[in-house]
Amino acid sequence: MPDAPAPAPVPLDRSAFAADAVTVAQALIGTTLLVDGVGGVVVETEAYDCEDPASHAFNGPTPRNAPMFGPIGHAYVYRSYGLHWCLNLVCDASQLGSAVLIRAIAPTEGIAIMRDRRGLEALRLLCAGPGRLAQALAVTGAMTGLPLDAPPFRLLPRTEAEPAIAVGPRIGLTRGVATPWRFGLAGSPFLSKPFR
């Protein structure tokens, strides 16, 4: 008699975002992020909280960063340098203004769609960096404030219990440069930049 198929993984709900940004940023490594069924395994994140001078929340709420001060488990999407959308996941109800930037994923679902959106074939470059990732997943500012446990988002738990996580300083900042709040799946070829 053939083995019964494994049950489908249960998507993460908003309780997965109840911890501080550093904890959530590490816990997201190895999860699977899908937007309308397109996406892959999260391999790189950065943490930000309201006491961090590099955070959009550092000077308090504004119309732009309002989702960071809203309920946890929602998206905060902003445009970087007026060019690229960036996807952040709001966390830590005990410290409003906390979020995790998704910097890179390893593409696994909807690869042909991502290649079409990005206009390139190289699998490694499809989602290696927050702007590339947002373009490949068709993330836009219209998604800011949306819940992460409802369409178009789907976040699935890790398939590996404790992946090896690399730690280092965040990228492209002028403040909080040395803070070691960038996390990545050790050895992944899909990182935006290697860890030192």
Protein backbone atom coordinates (compact mmCIF):
# COMPACT_ATOMS: atom_id res chain seq x y z
CA MET A 1 0.00 0.00 0.00
CA PRO A 2 1.54 3.38 -0.99
CA ASP A 3 2.41 5.90 1.66
CA ALA A 4 -0.16 8.62 2.24
CA PRO A 5 0.93 11.99 0.86
CA ALA A 6 2.43 14.37 3.39
CA PRO A 7 -0.05 16.95 4.64
CA ALA A 8 0.27 20.40 3.11
CA PRO A 9 2.18 22.82 5.35
CA VAL A 10 0.05 25.18 7.41
CA PRO A 11 0.85 28.81 6.55
CA LEU A 12 2.26 31.00 9.29
CA ASP A 13 -0.22 33.36 10.90
CA ARG A 14 0.27 36.77 12.50
CA SER A 15 1.47 35.25 15.77
CA ALA A 16 4.75 34.44 13.97
CA PHE A 17 5.48 38.19 14.06
CA ALA A 18 4.94 38.72 17.80
CA ALA A 19 8.66 38.70 18.69
CA ASP A 20 11.26 41.47 18.32
CA ALA A 21 12.59 42.28 14.84
CA VAL A 22 15.95 40.52 15.31
CA THR A 23 14.26 37.28 16.39
CA VAL A 24 11.72 37.44 13.57
CA ALA A 25 14.40 38.28 10.98
CA GLN A 26 16.30 35.11 11.93
CA ALA A 27 13.16 32.98 12.18
CA LEU A 28 12.14 33.96 8.64
CA ILE A 29 15.30 32.45 7.12
CA GLY A 30 14.22 29.19 5.50
CA THR A 31 10.52 30.02 5.35
CA THR A 32 8.78 30.24 1.97
CA LEU A 33 7.29 33.57 0.85
CA LEU A 34 4.75 33.57 -1.97
CA VAL A 35 2.90 36.50 -3.52
CA ASP A 36 0.02 35.27 -5.69
CA GLY A 37 1.75 31.89 -5.78
CA VAL A 38 5.09 33.26 -6.99
CA GLY A 39 8.19 33.25 -4.75
CA GLY A 40 10.59 31.01 -2.91
CA VAL A 41 12.66 30.38 0.19
CA VAL A 42 13.68 33.42 2.24
CA VAL A 43 17.49 33.48 2.34
CA GLU A 44 18.26 37.04 3.54
CA THR A 45 16.62 39.53 5.89
CA GLU A 46 17.38 42.71 7.83
CA ALA A 47 15.87 43.81 11.15
CA TYR A 48 14.78 47.36 12.04
CA ASP A 49 13.09 48.79 15.14
CA CYS A 50 12.00 52.24 16.29
CA GLU A 51 15.15 52.80 18.40
CA ASP A 52 17.38 52.15 15.40
CA PRO A 53 18.60 55.35 13.67
CA ALA A 54 18.54 53.51 10.32
CA SER A 55 14.84 52.68 10.66
CA HIS A 56 12.03 54.59 8.96
CA ALA A 57 10.28 54.48 12.35
CA PHE A 58 13.08 56.24 14.27
CA ASN A 59 11.42 59.69 14.20
CA GLY A 60 7.91 58.39 14.88
CA PRO A 61 4.85 57.74 12.73
CA THR A 62 4.32 59.44 9.37
CA PRO A 63 1.87 58.75 6.54
CA ARG A 64 4.63 56.80 4.76
CA ASN A 65 5.65 54.51 7.65
CA ALA A 66 2.19 54.18 9.26
CA PRO A 67 2.01 50.39 8.67
CA MET A 68 5.09 49.96 10.89
CA PHE A 69 3.01 51.30 13.79
CA GLY A 70 -0.06 49.25 12.93
CA PRO A 71 -0.85 45.64 13.74
CA ILE A 72 1.85 43.01 13.44
CA GLY A 73 1.82 40.54 10.57
CA HIS A 74 1.16 43.16 7.90
CA ALA A 75 3.24 44.38 4.96
CA TYR A 76 5.12 47.67 4.92
CA VAL A 77 6.09 48.49 1.33
CA TYR A 78 8.08 51.59 0.45
CA ARG A 79 9.99 52.88 -2.54
CA SER A 80 13.76 53.08 -2.14
CA TYR A 81 15.45 56.10 -3.73
CA GLY A 82 12.29 56.62 -5.78
CA LEU A 83 13.15 53.55 -7.86
CA HIS A 84 12.52 50.16 -6.25
CA TRP A 85 9.76 48.81 -4.02
CA CYS A 86 10.92 47.06 -0.83
CA LEU A 87 8.87 44.53 1.16
CA ASN A 88 8.98 44.60 4.96
CA LEU A 89 7.03 42.46 7.42
CA VAL A 90 5.78 44.29 10.52
CA CYS A 91 6.49 42.63 13.87
CA ASP A 92 6.80 43.09 17.65
CA ALA A 93 3.57 44.38 19.18
CA SER A 94 5.55 45.35 22.31
CA GLN A 95 7.68 47.83 20.35
CA LEU A 96 5.69 49.56 17.63
CA GLY A 97 7.75 50.57 14.62
CA SER A 98 9.55 47.24 14.12
CA ALA A 99 9.81 45.44 10.79
CA VAL A 100 11.92 42.98 8.83
CA LEU A 101 13.11 43.77 5.31
CA ILE A 102 13.09 40.76 2.99
CA ARG A 103 16.37 41.14 1.09
CA ALA A 104 16.51 37.94 -0.98
CA ILE A 105 14.78 34.65 -1.73
CA ALA A 106 15.80 31.50 -3.57
CA PRO A 107 13.22 31.27 -6.39
CA THR A 108 11.18 28.05 -6.38
CA GLU A 109 7.64 28.88 -7.54
CA GLY A 110 6.63 30.75 -10.70
CA ILE A 111 10.18 31.02 -12.03
CA ALA A 112 9.03 31.67 -15.62
CA ILE A 113 6.80 34.49 -14.38
CA MET A 114 9.69 36.00 -12.41
CA ARG A 115 11.99 35.79 -15.43
CA ASP A 116 9.41 37.57 -17.54
CA ARG A 117 8.90 40.32 -14.95
CA ARG A 118 12.63 40.82 -14.49
CA GLY A 119 13.55 40.42 -18.16
CA LEU A 120 16.42 38.05 -17.47
CA GLU A 121 17.19 34.35 -17.30
CA ALA A 122 19.80 34.15 -14.53
CA LEU A 123 18.08 32.33 -11.66
CA ARG A 124 20.57 33.64 -9.09
CA LEU A 125 19.76 37.27 -9.90
CA LEU A 126 15.97 37.08 -10.01
CA CYS A 127 15.42 37.90 -6.31
CA ALA A 128 18.92 38.76 -5.00
CA GLY A 129 18.21 42.14 -3.41
CA PRO A 130 15.04 43.82 -2.16
CA GLY A 131 14.32 45.75 -5.36
CA ARG A 132 14.83 42.74 -7.60
CA LEU A 133 12.71 40.62 -5.27
CA ALA A 134 9.84 43.12 -5.31
CA GLN A 135 9.92 43.32 -9.11
CA ALA A 136 10.01 39.52 -9.49
CA LEU A 137 7.08 39.08 -7.07
CA ALA A 138 5.16 42.12 -8.44
CA VAL A 139 5.18 43.79 -5.01
CA THR A 140 4.01 47.42 -5.15
CA GLY A 141 3.00 50.19 -2.78
CA ALA A 142 -0.62 49.09 -3.18
CA MET A 143 0.25 46.14 -0.90
CA THR A 144 1.40 48.23 2.05
CA GLY A 145 -0.76 47.55 5.09
CA LEU A 146 -2.11 44.23 3.78
CA PRO A 147 -2.15 41.23 6.14
CA LEU A 148 0.54 38.62 5.53
CA ASP A 149 -1.74 35.69 6.34
CA ALA A 150 -4.20 36.42 3.52
CA PRO A 151 -3.95 36.67 -0.28
CA PRO A 152 -1.93 37.77 -2.12
CA PHE A 153 0.61 36.72 0.55
CA ARG A 154 1.35 33.19 1.74
CA LEU A 155 4.15 32.42 4.19
CA LEU A 156 5.01 28.77 4.81
CA PRO A 157 7.14 27.42 7.68
CA ARG A 158 10.68 26.15 7.34
CA THR A 159 11.20 22.65 6.05
CA GLU A 160 14.57 22.53 7.84
CA ALA A 161 14.40 22.87 11.64
CA GLU A 162 17.51 25.01 12.26
CA PRO A 163 19.24 26.31 9.15
CA ALA A 164 22.77 27.70 9.50
CA ILE A 165 22.39 31.48 9.65
CA ALA A 166 25.11 34.00 8.77
CA VAL A 167 25.09 37.35 10.61
CA GLY A 168 26.56 40.68 9.59
CA PRO A 169 26.01 44.44 9.23
CA ARG A 170 23.15 45.71 7.10
CA ILE A 171 23.70 46.98 3.56
CA GLY A 172 23.45 50.45 2.00
CA LEU A 173 22.97 52.47 5.18
CA THR A 174 24.45 55.77 6.37
CA ARG A 175 23.26 55.35 10.00
CA GLY A 176 23.41 52.27 12.19
CA VAL A 177 25.97 50.90 9.75
CA ALA A 178 27.74 48.56 12.17
CA THR A 179 24.61 47.03 13.72
CA PRO A 180 24.78 43.28 12.92
CA TRP A 181 21.12 42.89 11.98
CA ARG A 182 21.50 41.33 8.55
CA PHE A 183 20.81 37.59 8.46
CA GLY A 184 21.25 35.06 5.68
CA LEU A 185 21.13 31.39 4.89
CA ALA A 186 24.78 30.42 5.17
CA GLY A 187 26.29 29.46 1.82
CA SER A 188 23.21 30.33 -0.25
CA PRO A 189 24.05 31.42 -3.81
CA PHE A 190 20.92 33.59 -3.83
CA LEU A 191 22.09 36.21 -1.29
CA SER A 192 22.18 39.82 -2.46
CA LYS A 193 25.81 40.00 -1.29
CA PRO A 194 28.03 37.45 0.44
CA PHE A 195 28.64 37.68 4.18
CA ARG A 196 32.21 38.41 5.22
